[in-house]
Amino acid sequence: MKKILIPIDGSEFSERALEKAKEIATSCGSDIVLLNVKDRQVPFDVGTIMESGTTIKHLIDSSASKAEEIISGANEALKGFGGQIENVILEGKPSDAIISYLKKNKVDLVVMGSHGISGGVQSVMLGSVASKVLHHVDVPIMIVK
């Protein structure tokens, strides 16, 4: 196993996936790809944005800053890891961006959290992003709870 992809979003579940992937990568001598997706969907309605005085540019800048923060935190958690670490930040709908990345890049295993930052009631059994990725790629996937 040469390359392990870890989609990360800063959630507790992605942190657990990161730890599990680190164990696997260390024991198998694998390299790691950390992938964060900046979701293009604006989390607030336009009225709320206008009332708060927040600009779309500020939201975009904040999203980029958050992505860098998540990647940086994951790299910190991987301190002492002996293999290569590649950092990838994409933009779009998380499930679609992960699927697209997997179709364009050779990855031997995906280790991802069962639920992401949106978590909650979107899908009781399995998060919507994990579920969609699981059903749309041919790469082995380990889902971490």
N, C-alpha and C. Protein backbone atom coordinates (compact mmCIF):
# COMPACT_ATOMS: atom_id res chain seq x y z
N MET A 1 0.86 -1.17 0.00
CA MET A 1 0.00 0.00 0.00
C MET A 1 0.91 1.23 0.00
N LYS A 2 0.83 2.01 -1.09
CA LYS A 2 1.75 3.13 -1.24
C LYS A 2 1.18 4.47 -0.80
N LYS A 3 -0.12 4.71 -1.04
CA LYS A 3 -0.69 6.03 -0.77
C LYS A 3 -2.05 5.92 -0.10
N ILE A 4 -2.20 6.66 1.01
CA ILE A 4 -3.46 6.69 1.76
C ILE A 4 -4.00 8.12 1.71
N LEU A 5 -5.26 8.25 1.29
CA LEU A 5 -5.93 9.54 1.26
C LEU A 5 -6.76 9.71 2.53
N ILE A 6 -6.62 10.88 3.16
CA ILE A 6 -7.41 11.18 4.35
C ILE A 6 -8.15 12.49 4.11
N PRO A 7 -9.45 12.42 3.79
CA PRO A 7 -10.23 13.66 3.70
C PRO A 7 -10.45 14.19 5.12
N ILE A 8 -10.10 15.46 5.34
CA ILE A 8 -10.22 16.04 6.68
C ILE A 8 -11.03 17.32 6.63
N ASP A 9 -11.82 17.53 7.67
CA ASP A 9 -12.64 18.74 7.73
C ASP A 9 -12.61 19.39 9.11
N GLY A 10 -11.75 18.90 9.99
CA GLY A 10 -11.66 19.47 11.32
C GLY A 10 -12.62 18.86 12.33
N SER A 11 -13.45 17.94 11.89
CA SER A 11 -14.40 17.31 12.80
C SER A 11 -13.70 16.27 13.67
N GLU A 12 -14.36 15.90 14.74
CA GLU A 12 -13.84 14.85 15.63
C GLU A 12 -13.64 13.55 14.86
N PHE A 13 -14.57 13.22 13.97
CA PHE A 13 -14.48 11.98 13.21
C PHE A 13 -13.29 11.99 12.25
N SER A 14 -13.01 13.15 11.62
CA SER A 14 -11.86 13.19 10.71
C SER A 14 -10.55 13.13 11.50
N GLU A 15 -10.54 13.66 12.72
CA GLU A 15 -9.36 13.54 13.58
C GLU A 15 -9.10 12.08 13.95
N ARG A 16 -10.17 11.35 14.23
CA ARG A 16 -10.02 9.92 14.51
C ARG A 16 -9.51 9.17 13.28
N ALA A 17 -10.03 9.53 12.12
CA ALA A 17 -9.59 8.90 10.87
C ALA A 17 -8.11 9.19 10.63
N LEU A 18 -7.69 10.40 10.94
CA LEU A 18 -6.29 10.79 10.78
C LEU A 18 -5.38 9.91 11.65
N GLU A 19 -5.78 9.69 12.88
CA GLU A 19 -4.98 8.85 13.79
C GLU A 19 -4.91 7.41 13.29
N LYS A 20 -6.03 6.87 12.85
CA LYS A 20 -6.07 5.49 12.33
C LYS A 20 -5.22 5.38 11.07
N ALA A 21 -5.33 6.35 10.17
CA ALA A 21 -4.54 6.33 8.94
C ALA A 21 -3.05 6.44 9.24
N LYS A 22 -2.69 7.23 10.23
CA LYS A 22 -1.29 7.36 10.62
C LYS A 22 -0.75 6.01 11.08
N GLU A 23 -1.53 5.29 11.87
CA GLU A 23 -1.12 3.94 12.32
C GLU A 23 -0.89 3.01 11.13
N ILE A 24 -1.85 3.01 10.21
CA ILE A 24 -1.77 2.12 9.05
C ILE A 24 -0.57 2.52 8.17
N ALA A 25 -0.44 3.81 7.90
CA ALA A 25 0.65 4.28 7.05
C ALA A 25 2.01 3.98 7.66
N THR A 26 2.12 4.11 8.96
CA THR A 26 3.38 3.83 9.64
C THR A 26 3.72 2.35 9.53
N SER A 27 2.75 1.50 9.76
CA SER A 27 3.02 0.06 9.71
C SER A 27 3.23 -0.46 8.29
N CYS A 28 2.66 0.20 7.29
CA CYS A 28 2.79 -0.26 5.90
C CYS A 28 3.83 0.52 5.10
N GLY A 29 4.40 1.55 5.69
CA GLY A 29 5.35 2.37 4.95
C GLY A 29 4.71 3.19 3.85
N SER A 30 3.47 3.59 4.07
CA SER A 30 2.71 4.34 3.06
C SER A 30 2.93 5.84 3.19
N ASP A 31 2.66 6.55 2.10
CA ASP A 31 2.61 8.01 2.11
C ASP A 31 1.17 8.43 2.37
N ILE A 32 1.00 9.67 2.80
CA ILE A 32 -0.32 10.20 3.15
C ILE A 32 -0.65 11.42 2.31
N VAL A 33 -1.91 11.48 1.87
CA VAL A 33 -2.43 12.68 1.21
C VAL A 33 -3.53 13.22 2.11
N LEU A 34 -3.34 14.44 2.60
CA LEU A 34 -4.37 15.13 3.38
C LEU A 34 -5.20 15.97 2.42
N LEU A 35 -6.50 15.77 2.43
CA LEU A 35 -7.38 16.48 1.49
C LEU A 35 -8.46 17.24 2.25
N ASN A 36 -8.51 18.55 2.03
CA ASN A 36 -9.59 19.35 2.58
C ASN A 36 -10.33 20.00 1.43
N VAL A 37 -11.65 20.05 1.55
CA VAL A 37 -12.47 20.65 0.50
C VAL A 37 -13.16 21.88 1.07
N LYS A 38 -12.89 23.03 0.43
CA LYS A 38 -13.60 24.26 0.78
C LYS A 38 -14.96 24.18 0.10
N ASP A 39 -16.00 24.06 0.90
CA ASP A 39 -17.35 23.95 0.37
C ASP A 39 -17.79 25.31 -0.17
N ARG A 40 -18.24 25.34 -1.42
CA ARG A 40 -18.66 26.58 -2.06
C ARG A 40 -20.02 27.06 -1.58
N GLN A 41 -20.75 26.20 -0.90
CA GLN A 41 -22.08 26.61 -0.45
C GLN A 41 -21.94 27.61 0.69
N VAL A 42 -22.62 28.74 0.57
CA VAL A 42 -22.59 29.75 1.62
C VAL A 42 -23.48 29.28 2.76
N PRO A 43 -22.95 29.22 3.99
CA PRO A 43 -23.70 28.66 5.10
C PRO A 43 -24.78 29.58 5.66
N PHE A 44 -24.90 30.80 5.16
CA PHE A 44 -25.88 31.74 5.66
C PHE A 44 -26.76 32.21 4.52
N ASP A 45 -27.97 32.62 4.84
CA ASP A 45 -28.79 33.18 3.78
C ASP A 45 -28.32 34.61 3.52
N VAL A 46 -28.68 35.14 2.37
CA VAL A 46 -28.21 36.46 1.95
C VAL A 46 -28.63 37.54 2.94
N GLY A 47 -29.83 37.44 3.48
CA GLY A 47 -30.31 38.43 4.46
C GLY A 47 -29.42 38.48 5.68
N THR A 48 -29.03 37.34 6.19
CA THR A 48 -28.16 37.28 7.37
C THR A 48 -26.80 37.88 7.05
N ILE A 49 -26.28 37.59 5.87
CA ILE A 49 -24.98 38.14 5.46
C ILE A 49 -25.06 39.66 5.40
N MET A 50 -26.12 40.19 4.79
CA MET A 50 -26.26 41.64 4.65
C MET A 50 -26.42 42.31 6.02
N GLU A 51 -27.21 41.70 6.90
CA GLU A 51 -27.42 42.28 8.23
C GLU A 51 -26.13 42.32 9.04
N SER A 52 -25.31 41.30 8.90
CA SER A 52 -24.08 41.22 9.69
C SER A 52 -22.97 42.09 9.12
N GLY A 53 -23.14 42.55 7.87
CA GLY A 53 -22.11 43.37 7.25
C GLY A 53 -20.99 42.54 6.65
N THR A 54 -21.12 41.22 6.70
CA THR A 54 -20.11 40.34 6.14
C THR A 54 -20.19 40.38 4.61
N THR A 55 -19.04 40.41 3.98
CA THR A 55 -19.02 40.40 2.52
C THR A 55 -18.76 38.97 2.02
N ILE A 56 -19.11 38.73 0.78
CA ILE A 56 -18.83 37.43 0.17
C ILE A 56 -17.32 37.20 0.14
N LYS A 57 -16.56 38.26 -0.15
CA LYS A 57 -15.11 38.15 -0.16
C LYS A 57 -14.60 37.70 1.22
N HIS A 58 -15.17 38.25 2.27
CA HIS A 58 -14.77 37.85 3.62
C HIS A 58 -15.06 36.37 3.85
N LEU A 59 -16.21 35.90 3.40
CA LEU A 59 -16.56 34.48 3.55
C LEU A 59 -15.59 33.59 2.79
N ILE A 60 -15.22 34.01 1.58
CA ILE A 60 -14.27 33.23 0.77
C ILE A 60 -12.90 33.22 1.44
N ASP A 61 -12.45 34.39 1.90
CA ASP A 61 -11.16 34.47 2.60
C ASP A 61 -11.17 33.64 3.86
N SER A 62 -12.27 33.68 4.57
CA SER A 62 -12.41 32.91 5.81
C SER A 62 -12.36 31.41 5.51
N SER A 63 -12.98 30.99 4.42
CA SER A 63 -12.98 29.58 4.01
C SER A 63 -11.56 29.13 3.68
N ALA A 64 -10.81 29.95 2.97
CA ALA A 64 -9.43 29.61 2.62
C ALA A 64 -8.57 29.53 3.87
N SER A 65 -8.77 30.47 4.78
CA SER A 65 -8.01 30.48 6.03
C SER A 65 -8.33 29.24 6.86
N LYS A 66 -9.60 28.87 6.91
CA LYS A 66 -10.02 27.68 7.67
C LYS A 66 -9.41 26.42 7.08
N ALA A 67 -9.38 26.32 5.75
CA ALA A 67 -8.79 25.16 5.09
C ALA A 67 -7.32 25.03 5.44
N GLU A 68 -6.60 26.15 5.40
CA GLU A 68 -5.17 26.14 5.77
C GLU A 68 -4.99 25.73 7.22
N GLU A 69 -5.87 26.20 8.08
CA GLU A 69 -5.81 25.87 9.51
C GLU A 69 -6.03 24.37 9.73
N ILE A 70 -6.98 23.80 9.02
CA ILE A 70 -7.27 22.36 9.15
C ILE A 70 -6.08 21.54 8.67
N ILE A 71 -5.52 21.90 7.51
CA ILE A 71 -4.36 21.20 6.97
C ILE A 71 -3.17 21.32 7.93
N SER A 72 -2.95 22.50 8.45
CA SER A 72 -1.85 22.74 9.37
C SER A 72 -2.01 21.89 10.63
N GLY A 73 -3.22 21.84 11.18
CA GLY A 73 -3.48 21.03 12.37
C GLY A 73 -3.25 19.55 12.11
N ALA A 74 -3.62 19.09 10.93
CA ALA A 74 -3.42 17.68 10.58
C ALA A 74 -1.93 17.38 10.45
N ASN A 75 -1.19 18.29 9.85
CA ASN A 75 0.26 18.10 9.74
C ASN A 75 0.91 18.06 11.13
N GLU A 76 0.41 18.88 12.02
CA GLU A 76 0.92 18.88 13.40
C GLU A 76 0.65 17.52 14.06
N ALA A 77 -0.55 16.97 13.82
CA ALA A 77 -0.91 15.66 14.39
C ALA A 77 -0.05 14.54 13.80
N LEU A 78 0.51 14.77 12.63
CA LEU A 78 1.35 13.76 11.97
C LEU A 78 2.84 13.93 12.26
N LYS A 79 3.17 14.85 13.16
CA LYS A 79 4.59 15.05 13.51
C LYS A 79 5.20 13.72 13.90
N GLY A 80 6.38 13.46 13.38
CA GLY A 80 7.07 12.21 13.68
C GLY A 80 6.75 11.10 12.70
N PHE A 81 5.77 11.32 11.83
CA PHE A 81 5.44 10.33 10.80
C PHE A 81 6.59 10.29 9.80
N GLY A 82 7.04 9.10 9.45
CA GLY A 82 8.22 8.97 8.61
C GLY A 82 8.01 9.08 7.12
N GLY A 83 6.79 8.97 6.65
CA GLY A 83 6.54 8.99 5.21
C GLY A 83 6.30 10.38 4.67
N GLN A 84 6.04 10.43 3.38
CA GLN A 84 5.73 11.69 2.71
C GLN A 84 4.30 12.11 3.04
N ILE A 85 4.09 13.42 3.16
CA ILE A 85 2.76 13.98 3.37
C ILE A 85 2.50 14.99 2.28
N GLU A 86 1.41 14.79 1.56
CA GLU A 86 1.00 15.74 0.52
C GLU A 86 -0.25 16.45 1.01
N ASN A 87 -0.29 17.76 0.87
CA ASN A 87 -1.44 18.56 1.28
C ASN A 87 -2.20 19.02 0.05
N VAL A 88 -3.52 18.74 0.03
CA VAL A 88 -4.35 19.12 -1.11
C VAL A 88 -5.57 19.86 -0.58
N ILE A 89 -5.82 21.04 -1.14
CA ILE A 89 -7.04 21.79 -0.82
C ILE A 89 -7.79 21.99 -2.12
N LEU A 90 -9.02 21.51 -2.14
CA LEU A 90 -9.88 21.65 -3.31
C LEU A 90 -11.08 22.52 -2.95
N GLU A 91 -11.82 22.92 -3.95
CA GLU A 91 -13.01 23.72 -3.73
C GLU A 91 -14.19 23.04 -4.40
N GLY A 92 -15.33 23.05 -3.74
CA GLY A 92 -16.53 22.47 -4.32
C GLY A 92 -17.35 21.74 -3.28
N LYS A 93 -18.25 20.92 -3.75
CA LYS A 93 -19.04 20.09 -2.87
C LYS A 93 -18.13 18.95 -2.39
N PRO A 94 -17.98 18.77 -1.08
CA PRO A 94 -17.00 17.80 -0.57
C PRO A 94 -17.05 16.41 -1.20
N SER A 95 -18.21 15.80 -1.26
CA SER A 95 -18.27 14.44 -1.81
C SER A 95 -17.83 14.42 -3.27
N ASP A 96 -18.28 15.38 -4.06
CA ASP A 96 -17.91 15.42 -5.48
C ASP A 96 -16.41 15.66 -5.66
N ALA A 97 -15.84 16.55 -4.85
CA ALA A 97 -14.41 16.86 -4.96
C ALA A 97 -13.56 15.64 -4.59
N ILE A 98 -13.96 14.92 -3.55
CA ILE A 98 -13.22 13.72 -3.14
C ILE A 98 -13.30 12.65 -4.23
N ILE A 99 -14.49 12.43 -4.75
CA ILE A 99 -14.69 11.44 -5.81
C ILE A 99 -13.85 11.81 -7.04
N SER A 100 -13.89 13.07 -7.43
CA SER A 100 -13.11 13.53 -8.58
C SER A 100 -11.62 13.32 -8.35
N TYR A 101 -11.14 13.64 -7.16
CA TYR A 101 -9.72 13.45 -6.85
C TYR A 101 -9.35 11.97 -6.98
N LEU A 102 -10.20 11.10 -6.45
CA LEU A 102 -9.91 9.66 -6.50
C LEU A 102 -9.93 9.11 -7.91
N LYS A 103 -10.74 9.68 -8.78
CA LYS A 103 -10.79 9.21 -10.16
C LYS A 103 -9.58 9.68 -10.97
N LYS A 104 -8.92 10.76 -10.51
CA LYS A 104 -7.78 11.32 -11.24
C LYS A 104 -6.43 10.93 -10.65
N ASN A 105 -6.42 10.39 -9.44
CA ASN A 105 -5.17 10.10 -8.75
C ASN A 105 -5.15 8.68 -8.22
N LYS A 106 -3.99 8.07 -8.25
CA LYS A 106 -3.81 6.70 -7.75
C LYS A 106 -3.71 6.73 -6.23
N VAL A 107 -4.68 6.12 -5.58
CA VAL A 107 -4.71 6.01 -4.13
C VAL A 107 -5.04 4.57 -3.79
N ASP A 108 -4.37 4.02 -2.79
CA ASP A 108 -4.58 2.62 -2.44
C ASP A 108 -5.64 2.42 -1.35
N LEU A 109 -5.86 3.44 -0.53
CA LEU A 109 -6.83 3.36 0.56
C LEU A 109 -7.30 4.75 0.92
N VAL A 110 -8.58 4.87 1.23
CA VAL A 110 -9.14 6.11 1.77
C VAL A 110 -9.53 5.81 3.22
N VAL A 111 -9.10 6.67 4.13
CA VAL A 111 -9.51 6.55 5.53
C VAL A 111 -10.23 7.85 5.86
N MET A 112 -11.52 7.74 6.16
CA MET A 112 -12.30 8.96 6.42
C MET A 112 -13.26 8.76 7.57
N GLY A 113 -13.63 9.87 8.19
CA GLY A 113 -14.58 9.83 9.29
C GLY A 113 -15.98 9.50 8.82
N SER A 114 -16.73 8.87 9.71
CA SER A 114 -18.10 8.47 9.36
C SER A 114 -19.02 9.68 9.19
N HIS A 115 -18.74 10.74 9.89
CA HIS A 115 -19.53 11.97 9.80
C HIS A 115 -18.59 13.15 9.81
N GLY A 116 -18.91 14.16 9.02
CA GLY A 116 -18.05 15.34 8.95
C GLY A 116 -18.56 16.45 9.84
N ILE A 117 -18.06 17.61 9.55
CA ILE A 117 -18.36 18.78 10.35
C ILE A 117 -19.85 19.11 10.34
N SER A 118 -20.54 18.81 9.24
CA SER A 118 -21.98 19.07 9.19
C SER A 118 -22.73 18.04 10.02
N GLY A 119 -22.20 16.81 10.04
CA GLY A 119 -22.69 15.73 10.90
C GLY A 119 -24.18 15.70 11.12
N GLY A 120 -24.55 15.47 12.35
CA GLY A 120 -25.93 15.57 12.79
C GLY A 120 -26.90 14.63 12.11
N VAL A 121 -28.07 15.18 11.78
CA VAL A 121 -29.18 14.35 11.33
C VAL A 121 -29.25 14.16 9.82
N GLN A 122 -28.27 14.66 9.07
CA GLN A 122 -28.32 14.49 7.62
C GLN A 122 -28.47 13.03 7.25
N SER A 123 -27.74 12.20 7.93
CA SER A 123 -27.82 10.77 7.69
C SER A 123 -27.50 10.07 8.99
N VAL A 124 -28.46 9.36 9.53
CA VAL A 124 -28.30 8.76 10.85
C VAL A 124 -27.23 7.67 10.86
N MET A 125 -27.22 6.80 9.86
CA MET A 125 -26.30 5.67 9.86
C MET A 125 -24.89 6.05 9.41
N LEU A 126 -24.78 6.89 8.42
CA LEU A 126 -23.48 7.25 7.87
C LEU A 126 -23.61 8.65 7.29
N GLY A 127 -22.61 9.47 7.49
CA GLY A 127 -22.65 10.83 6.96
C GLY A 127 -22.85 10.85 5.46
N SER A 128 -23.44 11.91 4.96
CA SER A 128 -23.77 11.99 3.54
C SER A 128 -22.52 12.00 2.65
N VAL A 129 -21.44 12.65 3.08
CA VAL A 129 -20.22 12.67 2.27
C VAL A 129 -19.60 11.28 2.23
N ALA A 130 -19.43 10.66 3.40
CA ALA A 130 -18.84 9.31 3.46
C ALA A 130 -19.67 8.33 2.66
N SER A 131 -20.97 8.41 2.79
CA SER A 131 -21.86 7.50 2.07
C SER A 131 -21.72 7.66 0.56
N LYS A 132 -21.72 8.89 0.08
CA LYS A 132 -21.62 9.11 -1.36
C LYS A 132 -20.28 8.63 -1.90
N VAL A 133 -19.19 8.96 -1.20
CA VAL A 133 -17.86 8.52 -1.65
C VAL A 133 -17.80 7.00 -1.67
N LEU A 134 -18.28 6.38 -0.63
CA LEU A 134 -18.28 4.92 -0.51
C LEU A 134 -18.96 4.25 -1.70
N HIS A 135 -20.04 4.85 -2.18
CA HIS A 135 -20.83 4.23 -3.24
C HIS A 135 -20.43 4.65 -4.66
N HIS A 136 -19.43 5.55 -4.79
CA HIS A 136 -19.10 6.03 -6.13
C HIS A 136 -17.65 5.84 -6.56
N VAL A 137 -16.87 5.14 -5.75
CA VAL A 137 -15.48 4.88 -6.15
C VAL A 137 -15.15 3.41 -5.94
N ASP A 138 -14.09 2.97 -6.63
CA ASP A 138 -13.66 1.57 -6.53
C ASP A 138 -12.45 1.39 -5.62
N VAL A 139 -12.06 2.43 -4.92
CA VAL A 139 -10.92 2.37 -4.02
C VAL A 139 -11.40 1.83 -2.67
N PRO A 140 -10.60 0.98 -2.01
CA PRO A 140 -10.99 0.54 -0.67
C PRO A 140 -11.11 1.74 0.28
N ILE A 141 -12.16 1.73 1.08
CA ILE A 141 -12.44 2.84 2.01
C ILE A 141 -12.62 2.28 3.41
N MET A 142 -11.92 2.90 4.36
CA MET A 142 -12.11 2.58 5.78
C MET A 142 -12.85 3.75 6.39
N ILE A 143 -14.01 3.47 6.98
CA ILE A 143 -14.81 4.50 7.62
C ILE A 143 -14.55 4.40 9.13
N VAL A 144 -14.13 5.51 9.73
CA VAL A 144 -13.80 5.53 11.16
C VAL A 144 -14.88 6.27 11.91
N LYS A 145 -15.37 5.63 12.99
CA LYS A 145 -16.39 6.26 13.83
C LYS A 145 -15.76 6.93 15.02
